[in-house]
C-alpha cells in the first residue's frame, strides 16, 4: 500500500507563502482542473484511447506533485505506466484509486482554505 501522505504540509505551506493572496485561487483552480482531468481519464479509458489516457495521467501527475499531493501523484504515475504498457484493463482499478484519493485530497485542501 502507498504510504505517502495525502498532502505534503511543507509543500503547501511553501505554496501559501509564495502565492500569498493567490493561494486560494491556485487551490480552487487545481481542484477544478483535477475534476476535468479525472473526466478525461475516464473518457479515454472508456474509449480505450491509450495515448490520451497516458497523456492525461502524466499531466495530472505533474499538477498533483506541484500542489503537494504525493499519494495522488504516485497513483497518476501508476496510471501513466499502465497506459504506456497498454494495460488499460488494470488502469480501471487504478482510476478507482485515483478517484478515491482525489476525494480525500479535495476535502483536505478545502479545509486548508477555511483557515
C-alpha atoms as a PDB file:
ATOM      1  CA  UNK A   1       0.000   0.000   0.000  1.00  0.00           C
ATOM      2  CA  UNK A   2       1.142   3.507  -0.778  1.00  0.00           C
ATOM      3  CA  UNK A   3       2.383   5.139   2.447  1.00  0.00           C
ATOM      4  CA  UNK A   4       2.830   8.642   1.073  1.00  0.00           C
ATOM      5  CA  UNK A   5       0.700  11.313   2.769  1.00  0.00           C
ATOM      6  CA  UNK A   6      -2.438  12.698   1.171  1.00  0.00           C
ATOM      7  CA  UNK A   7      -0.908  16.173   1.381  1.00  0.00           C
ATOM      8  CA  UNK A   8       2.631  17.393   1.925  1.00  0.00           C
ATOM      9  CA  UNK A   9       2.204  20.040   4.614  1.00  0.00           C
ATOM     10  CA  UNK A  10       5.607  21.611   3.935  1.00  0.00           C
ATOM     11  CA  UNK A  11       4.915  21.934   0.213  1.00  0.00           C
ATOM     12  CA  UNK A  12       1.527  23.501   0.918  1.00  0.00           C
ATOM     13  CA  UNK A  13       2.996  25.927   3.453  1.00  0.00           C
ATOM     14  CA  UNK A  14       5.617  26.938   0.900  1.00  0.00           C
ATOM     15  CA  UNK A  15       2.950  27.430  -1.777  1.00  0.00           C
ATOM     16  CA  UNK A  16       0.861  29.504   0.621  1.00  0.00           C
ATOM     17  CA  UNK A  17       3.889  31.680   1.382  1.00  0.00           C
ATOM     18  CA  UNK A  18       4.863  32.130  -2.271  1.00  0.00           C
ATOM     19  CA  UNK A  19       1.335  32.620  -3.613  1.00  0.00           C
ATOM     20  CA  UNK A  20       0.098  34.766  -0.725  1.00  0.00           C
ATOM     21  CA  UNK A  21      -3.332  36.160  -1.703  1.00  0.00           C
ATOM     22  CA  UNK A  22      -3.441  33.936  -4.800  1.00  0.00           C
ATOM     23  CA  UNK A  23      -3.172  30.698  -2.783  1.00  0.00           C
ATOM     24  CA  UNK A  24      -6.932  30.175  -2.682  1.00  0.00           C
ATOM     25  CA  UNK A  25      -7.174  30.789  -6.450  1.00  0.00           C
ATOM     26  CA  UNK A  26      -4.396  28.243  -7.014  1.00  0.00           C
ATOM     27  CA  UNK A  27      -6.128  25.588  -4.890  1.00  0.00           C
ATOM     28  CA  UNK A  28      -9.547  26.203  -6.455  1.00  0.00           C
ATOM     29  CA  UNK A  29      -8.007  26.059  -9.957  1.00  0.00           C
ATOM     30  CA  UNK A  30      -6.216  22.818  -9.095  1.00  0.00           C
ATOM     31  CA  UNK A  31      -9.460  21.268  -7.812  1.00  0.00           C
ATOM     32  CA  UNK A  32     -11.395  22.340 -10.896  1.00  0.00           C
ATOM     33  CA  UNK A  33      -8.664  21.214 -13.300  1.00  0.00           C
ATOM     34  CA  UNK A  34      -8.341  17.908 -11.456  1.00  0.00           C
ATOM     35  CA  UNK A  35     -12.042  17.183 -11.870  1.00  0.00           C
ATOM     36  CA  UNK A  36     -11.640  17.801 -15.608  1.00  0.00           C
ATOM     37  CA  UNK A  37      -8.545  15.579 -15.704  1.00  0.00           C
ATOM     38  CA  UNK A  38     -10.466  12.783 -13.989  1.00  0.00           C
ATOM     39  CA  UNK A  39     -13.220  13.121 -16.587  1.00  0.00           C
ATOM     40  CA  UNK A  40     -10.598  12.978 -19.352  1.00  0.00           C
ATOM     41  CA  UNK A  41      -9.063   9.840 -17.821  1.00  0.00           C
ATOM     42  CA  UNK A  42     -12.473   8.161 -17.561  1.00  0.00           C
ATOM     43  CA  UNK A  43     -13.400   9.154 -21.093  1.00  0.00           C
ATOM     44  CA  UNK A  44     -10.127   7.975 -22.656  1.00  0.00           C
ATOM     45  CA  UNK A  45     -10.373   4.716 -20.722  1.00  0.00           C
ATOM     46  CA  UNK A  46     -13.944   4.183 -21.910  1.00  0.00           C
ATOM     47  CA  UNK A  47     -12.837   4.864 -25.489  1.00  0.00           C
ATOM     48  CA  UNK A  48      -9.733   2.710 -24.955  1.00  0.00           C
ATOM     49  CA  UNK A  49      -7.575   5.583 -26.182  1.00  0.00           C
ATOM     50  CA  UNK A  50      -4.202   4.581 -24.728  1.00  0.00           C
ATOM     51  CA  UNK A  51      -2.395   7.710 -25.905  1.00  0.00           C
ATOM     52  CA  UNK A  52      -4.951  10.142 -24.455  1.00  0.00           C
ATOM     53  CA  UNK A  53      -5.114   8.144 -21.209  1.00  0.00           C
ATOM     54  CA  UNK A  54      -1.326   8.172 -20.824  1.00  0.00           C
ATOM     55  CA  UNK A  55      -1.060  11.904 -21.550  1.00  0.00           C
ATOM     56  CA  UNK A  56      -3.894  12.758 -19.159  1.00  0.00           C
ATOM     57  CA  UNK A  57      -2.340  10.664 -16.390  1.00  0.00           C
ATOM     58  CA  UNK A  58       1.053  12.309 -16.975  1.00  0.00           C
ATOM     59  CA  UNK A  59      -0.434  15.802 -16.872  1.00  0.00           C
ATOM     60  CA  UNK A  60      -2.477  15.039 -13.740  1.00  0.00           C
ATOM     61  CA  UNK A  61       0.624  13.561 -12.062  1.00  0.00           C
ATOM     62  CA  UNK A  62       2.531  16.810 -12.580  1.00  0.00           C
ATOM     63  CA  UNK A  63      -0.181  19.013 -11.137  1.00  0.00           C
ATOM     64  CA  UNK A  64      -0.566  16.709  -8.100  1.00  0.00           C
ATOM     65  CA  UNK A  65       3.145  16.819  -7.380  1.00  0.00           C
ATOM     66  CA  UNK A  66       3.210  20.611  -7.805  1.00  0.00           C
ATOM     67  CA  UNK A  67       0.321  21.142  -5.404  1.00  0.00           C
ATOM     68  CA  UNK A  68       1.762  18.795  -2.772  1.00  0.00           C
ATOM     69  CA  UNK A  69      -0.455  15.699  -3.188  1.00  0.00           C
ATOM     70  CA  UNK A  70       2.207  12.952  -3.335  1.00  0.00           C
ATOM     71  CA  UNK A  71      -0.045   9.915  -2.952  1.00  0.00           C
ATOM     72  CA  UNK A  72      -2.330  11.118  -5.742  1.00  0.00           C
ATOM     73  CA  UNK A  73       0.716  11.920  -7.876  1.00  0.00           C
ATOM     74  CA  UNK A  74       2.026   8.407  -7.328  1.00  0.00           C
ATOM     75  CA  UNK A  75      -1.309   6.869  -8.362  1.00  0.00           C
ATOM     76  CA  UNK A  76      -1.304   9.019 -11.503  1.00  0.00           C
ATOM     77  CA  UNK A  77       2.208   7.753 -12.200  1.00  0.00           C
ATOM     78  CA  UNK A  78       0.875   4.181 -11.884  1.00  0.00           C
ATOM     79  CA  UNK A  79      -1.898   5.054 -14.341  1.00  0.00           C
ATOM     80  CA  UNK A  80       0.589   6.637 -16.732  1.00  0.00           C
ATOM     81  CA  UNK A  81       2.742   3.495 -16.645  1.00  0.00           C
ATOM     82  CA  UNK A  82      -0.309   1.281 -17.223  1.00  0.00           C
ATOM     83  CA  UNK A  83      -1.131   3.423 -20.253  1.00  0.00           C
ATOM     84  CA  UNK A  84       2.422   3.292 -21.594  1.00  0.00           C
ATOM     85  CA  UNK A  85       2.379  -0.503 -21.231  1.00  0.00           C
ATOM     86  CA  UNK A  86      -1.100  -0.780 -22.781  1.00  0.00           C
ATOM     87  CA  UNK A  87      -2.592  -2.293 -19.621  1.00  0.00           C
ATOM     88  CA  UNK A  88      -5.892  -0.416 -19.692  1.00  0.00           C
ATOM     89  CA  UNK A  89      -7.758  -3.279 -18.025  1.00  0.00           C
ATOM     90  CA  UNK A  90      -5.603  -2.762 -14.908  1.00  0.00           C
ATOM     91  CA  UNK A  91      -5.989   1.002 -15.253  1.00  0.00           C
ATOM     92  CA  UNK A  92      -9.681   0.713 -14.348  1.00  0.00           C
ATOM     93  CA  UNK A  93      -8.701  -0.208 -10.779  1.00  0.00           C
ATOM     94  CA  UNK A  94      -6.030   2.481 -10.640  1.00  0.00           C
ATOM     95  CA  UNK A  95      -8.583   5.056 -11.772  1.00  0.00           C
ATOM     96  CA  UNK A  96     -10.894   3.979  -8.932  1.00  0.00           C
ATOM     97  CA  UNK A  97      -7.996   4.548  -6.516  1.00  0.00           C
ATOM     98  CA  UNK A  98      -7.271   7.939  -8.092  1.00  0.00           C
ATOM     99  CA  UNK A  99     -10.920   8.961  -7.689  1.00  0.00           C
ATOM    100  CA  UNK A 100     -10.932   7.893  -4.054  1.00  0.00           C
ATOM    101  CA  UNK A 101      -7.637   9.624  -3.293  1.00  0.00           C
ATOM    102  CA  UNK A 102      -8.729  12.791  -5.088  1.00  0.00           C
ATOM    103  CA  UNK A 103     -11.836  12.906  -2.884  1.00  0.00           C
ATOM    104  CA  UNK A 104      -9.622  12.788   0.211  1.00  0.00           C
ATOM    105  CA  UNK A 105      -7.240  15.415  -1.182  1.00  0.00           C
ATOM    106  CA  UNK A 106     -10.110  17.717  -2.177  1.00  0.00           C
ATOM    107  CA  UNK A 107     -11.579  17.542   1.329  1.00  0.00           C
ATOM    108  CA  UNK A 108      -8.208  18.296   2.942  1.00  0.00           C
ATOM    109  CA  UNK A 109      -7.432  21.153   0.548  1.00  0.00           C
ATOM    110  CA  UNK A 110     -10.855  22.694   1.102  1.00  0.00           C
ATOM    111  CA  UNK A 111     -10.150  22.580   4.838  1.00  0.00           C
ATOM    112  CA  UNK A 112      -6.880  24.479   4.301  1.00  0.00           C
ATOM    113  CA  UNK A 113      -8.902  27.275   2.669  1.00  0.00           C
ATOM    114  CA  UNK A 114     -11.185  27.619   5.693  1.00  0.00           C
ATOM    115  CA  UNK A 115      -8.272  28.504   7.993  1.00  0.00           C
END
